[in-house]
Amino acid sequence: MIYPEEGNGVSYTLPSDNTPQSERNVVFEVTNHPIYALPETGGSGVSLFYAGGSAIVLSAACLALIQRLKNSKH
């Protein structure tokens, strides 16, 4: 049973076994009627997280370089 937007059920009965194969094909056209809109996602976006993560990685690389330069002078 298929229920379109109007609420009237549409039923389809399969053909009998003696029906030729070429006449057994059925095409249904389905139109999507969403009940509600999905909420927007992403919020403020991921740019802030990329910038923060990049700053942490860059800071760690700088600290590692400074530490290596300190140790190589001694």
N, C-alpha and C. Protein backbone atom coordinates (compact mmCIF):
# COMPACT_ATOMS: atom_id res chain seq x y z
N MET A 1 0.85 -1.17 0.00
CA MET A 1 0.00 0.00 0.00
C MET A 1 0.90 1.24 0.00
N ILE A 2 0.62 2.16 -0.87
CA ILE A 2 1.38 3.41 -0.98
C ILE A 2 0.43 4.55 -0.62
N TYR A 3 0.89 5.45 0.24
CA TYR A 3 0.05 6.55 0.68
C TYR A 3 0.62 7.87 0.17
N PRO A 4 0.00 8.50 -0.83
CA PRO A 4 0.45 9.82 -1.28
C PRO A 4 0.06 10.90 -0.28
N GLU A 5 0.42 12.12 -0.60
CA GLU A 5 0.18 13.25 0.31
C GLU A 5 -1.30 13.41 0.66
N GLU A 6 -2.19 13.11 -0.29
CA GLU A 6 -3.61 13.29 -0.03
C GLU A 6 -4.15 12.28 0.98
N GLY A 7 -3.40 11.23 1.25
CA GLY A 7 -3.83 10.24 2.22
C GLY A 7 -4.60 9.08 1.62
N ASN A 8 -4.89 9.13 0.32
CA ASN A 8 -5.59 8.03 -0.34
C ASN A 8 -4.57 6.95 -0.69
N GLY A 9 -4.83 5.74 -0.24
CA GLY A 9 -3.91 4.65 -0.53
C GLY A 9 -4.00 4.20 -1.97
N VAL A 10 -2.89 3.88 -2.56
CA VAL A 10 -2.85 3.36 -3.92
C VAL A 10 -2.30 1.95 -3.82
N SER A 11 -3.05 0.99 -4.31
CA SER A 11 -2.58 -0.39 -4.23
C SER A 11 -2.31 -0.92 -5.63
N TYR A 12 -1.44 -1.88 -5.71
CA TYR A 12 -1.09 -2.50 -6.98
C TYR A 12 -1.10 -4.00 -6.79
N THR A 13 -1.78 -4.72 -7.65
CA THR A 13 -1.84 -6.17 -7.58
C THR A 13 -0.90 -6.73 -8.63
N LEU A 14 -0.04 -7.63 -8.23
CA LEU A 14 0.90 -8.24 -9.16
C LEU A 14 0.15 -9.08 -10.18
N PRO A 15 0.64 -9.10 -11.41
CA PRO A 15 -0.03 -9.89 -12.44
C PRO A 15 0.12 -11.39 -12.15
N SER A 16 -0.76 -12.17 -12.74
CA SER A 16 -0.70 -13.62 -12.53
C SER A 16 0.53 -14.19 -13.21
N ASP A 17 0.87 -15.41 -12.87
CA ASP A 17 2.08 -16.04 -13.40
C ASP A 17 2.03 -16.26 -14.90
N ASN A 18 0.85 -16.33 -15.51
CA ASN A 18 0.77 -16.56 -16.95
C ASN A 18 0.86 -15.27 -17.76
N THR A 19 1.06 -14.12 -17.09
CA THR A 19 1.24 -12.85 -17.79
C THR A 19 2.65 -12.82 -18.38
N PRO A 20 2.79 -12.42 -19.65
CA PRO A 20 4.12 -12.36 -20.25
C PRO A 20 5.05 -11.42 -19.47
N GLN A 21 6.33 -11.75 -19.47
CA GLN A 21 7.34 -10.98 -18.73
C GLN A 21 7.36 -9.52 -19.17
N SER A 22 7.13 -9.25 -20.47
CA SER A 22 7.18 -7.88 -20.98
C SER A 22 6.07 -7.00 -20.42
N GLU A 23 4.99 -7.60 -19.93
CA GLU A 23 3.88 -6.83 -19.39
C GLU A 23 3.93 -6.70 -17.87
N ARG A 24 4.97 -7.21 -17.24
CA ARG A 24 5.07 -7.18 -15.77
C ARG A 24 5.81 -5.95 -15.25
N ASN A 25 6.36 -5.14 -16.12
CA ASN A 25 7.11 -3.97 -15.68
C ASN A 25 6.14 -2.88 -15.23
N VAL A 26 6.44 -2.28 -14.10
CA VAL A 26 5.62 -1.21 -13.54
C VAL A 26 6.54 -0.05 -13.19
N VAL A 27 6.14 1.16 -13.54
CA VAL A 27 6.93 2.35 -13.23
C VAL A 27 6.13 3.20 -12.25
N PHE A 28 6.75 3.54 -11.14
CA PHE A 28 6.14 4.42 -10.14
C PHE A 28 6.87 5.75 -10.16
N GLU A 29 6.13 6.83 -10.19
CA GLU A 29 6.73 8.15 -10.06
C GLU A 29 6.42 8.64 -8.65
N VAL A 30 7.48 8.91 -7.89
CA VAL A 30 7.33 9.29 -6.50
C VAL A 30 7.81 10.73 -6.34
N THR A 31 6.98 11.56 -5.75
CA THR A 31 7.33 12.94 -5.46
C THR A 31 7.56 13.08 -3.97
N ASN A 32 8.69 13.64 -3.61
CA ASN A 32 9.05 13.81 -2.21
C ASN A 32 8.35 15.04 -1.65
N HIS A 33 7.61 14.86 -0.58
CA HIS A 33 6.95 15.96 0.13
C HIS A 33 7.48 15.95 1.57
N PRO A 34 8.55 16.72 1.83
CA PRO A 34 9.13 16.70 3.17
C PRO A 34 8.15 17.21 4.23
N ILE A 35 8.17 16.58 5.37
CA ILE A 35 7.28 16.94 6.47
C ILE A 35 7.81 18.20 7.17
N TYR A 36 9.13 18.29 7.30
CA TYR A 36 9.73 19.45 7.95
C TYR A 36 11.11 19.68 7.34
N ALA A 37 11.64 20.87 7.51
CA ALA A 37 12.96 21.21 7.00
C ALA A 37 14.02 20.79 8.01
N LEU A 38 15.11 20.25 7.52
CA LEU A 38 16.20 19.87 8.41
C LEU A 38 16.90 21.13 8.92
N PRO A 39 17.44 21.09 10.13
CA PRO A 39 18.13 22.27 10.65
C PRO A 39 19.45 22.50 9.92
N GLU A 40 19.88 23.74 9.91
CA GLU A 40 21.17 24.08 9.32
C GLU A 40 22.28 23.50 10.18
N THR A 41 23.36 23.10 9.55
CA THR A 41 24.49 22.54 10.29
C THR A 41 25.72 23.40 10.10
N GLY A 42 26.71 23.17 10.91
CA GLY A 42 27.97 23.87 10.76
C GLY A 42 28.15 25.03 11.72
N GLY A 43 27.09 25.66 12.12
CA GLY A 43 27.20 26.77 13.06
C GLY A 43 28.13 27.85 12.51
N SER A 44 29.15 28.19 13.28
CA SER A 44 30.08 29.23 12.86
C SER A 44 31.10 28.70 11.86
N GLY A 45 31.04 27.43 11.55
CA GLY A 45 31.96 26.86 10.57
C GLY A 45 33.17 26.23 11.22
N VAL A 46 34.03 25.71 10.38
CA VAL A 46 35.21 25.01 10.88
C VAL A 46 36.46 25.87 10.78
N SER A 47 36.34 27.06 10.23
CA SER A 47 37.50 27.93 10.04
C SER A 47 38.22 28.22 11.36
N LEU A 48 37.44 28.48 12.39
CA LEU A 48 38.03 28.79 13.68
C LEU A 48 38.82 27.59 14.22
N PHE A 49 38.29 26.40 14.02
CA PHE A 49 38.99 25.20 14.49
C PHE A 49 40.27 24.96 13.69
N TYR A 50 40.23 25.21 12.37
CA TYR A 50 41.44 25.08 11.56
C TYR A 50 42.50 26.08 12.01
N ALA A 51 42.09 27.30 12.25
CA ALA A 51 43.03 28.34 12.67
C ALA A 51 43.63 28.00 14.04
N GLY A 52 42.79 27.57 14.98
CA GLY A 52 43.29 27.21 16.30
C GLY A 52 44.23 26.01 16.26
N GLY A 53 43.87 24.99 15.50
CA GLY A 53 44.74 23.81 15.37
C GLY A 53 46.05 24.15 14.70
N SER A 54 45.99 24.99 13.68
CA SER A 54 47.23 25.40 12.99
C SER A 54 48.13 26.19 13.93
N ALA A 55 47.53 27.06 14.74
CA ALA A 55 48.33 27.84 15.70
C ALA A 55 49.00 26.93 16.72
N ILE A 56 48.31 25.90 17.18
CA ILE A 56 48.91 24.96 18.15
C ILE A 56 50.06 24.20 17.51
N VAL A 57 49.87 23.71 16.29
CA VAL A 57 50.92 22.97 15.59
C VAL A 57 52.12 23.87 15.32
N LEU A 58 51.87 25.09 14.87
CA LEU A 58 52.97 26.02 14.61
C LEU A 58 53.72 26.37 15.89
N SER A 59 53.01 26.56 17.00
CA SER A 59 53.65 26.85 18.29
C SER A 59 54.52 25.68 18.72
N ALA A 60 54.01 24.46 18.57
CA ALA A 60 54.78 23.28 18.95
C ALA A 60 56.04 23.15 18.09
N ALA A 61 55.92 23.44 16.79
CA ALA A 61 57.09 23.37 15.91
C ALA A 61 58.13 24.42 16.30
N CYS A 62 57.68 25.63 16.64
CA CYS A 62 58.61 26.69 17.06
C CYS A 62 59.30 26.32 18.37
N LEU A 63 58.55 25.81 19.32
CA LEU A 63 59.15 25.41 20.60
C LEU A 63 60.15 24.27 20.40
N ALA A 64 59.84 23.33 19.54
CA ALA A 64 60.77 22.23 19.28
C ALA A 64 62.04 22.76 18.62
N LEU A 65 61.91 23.70 17.69
CA LEU A 65 63.08 24.29 17.04
C LEU A 65 63.93 25.06 18.04
N ILE A 66 63.30 25.86 18.90
CA ILE A 66 64.04 26.62 19.92
C ILE A 66 64.75 25.68 20.87
N GLN A 67 64.09 24.60 21.29
CA GLN A 67 64.69 23.63 22.19
C GLN A 67 65.90 22.97 21.52
N ARG A 68 65.77 22.65 20.26
CA ARG A 68 66.88 22.01 19.52
C ARG A 68 68.06 22.96 19.39
N LEU A 69 67.80 24.25 19.11
CA LEU A 69 68.87 25.23 19.00
C LEU A 69 69.56 25.44 20.35
N LYS A 70 68.83 25.43 21.44
CA LYS A 70 69.43 25.58 22.77
C LYS A 70 70.35 24.42 23.08
N ASN A 71 69.90 23.21 22.77
CA ASN A 71 70.69 22.01 23.06
C ASN A 71 71.90 21.90 22.17
N SER A 72 71.87 22.43 20.96
CA SER A 72 73.01 22.31 20.05
C SER A 72 74.12 23.28 20.41
N LYS A 73 73.83 24.39 21.12
CA LYS A 73 74.84 25.36 21.50
C LYS A 73 75.71 24.87 22.65
N HIS A 74 75.20 23.95 23.44
CA HIS A 74 75.97 23.47 24.60
C HIS A 74 76.83 22.34 24.27
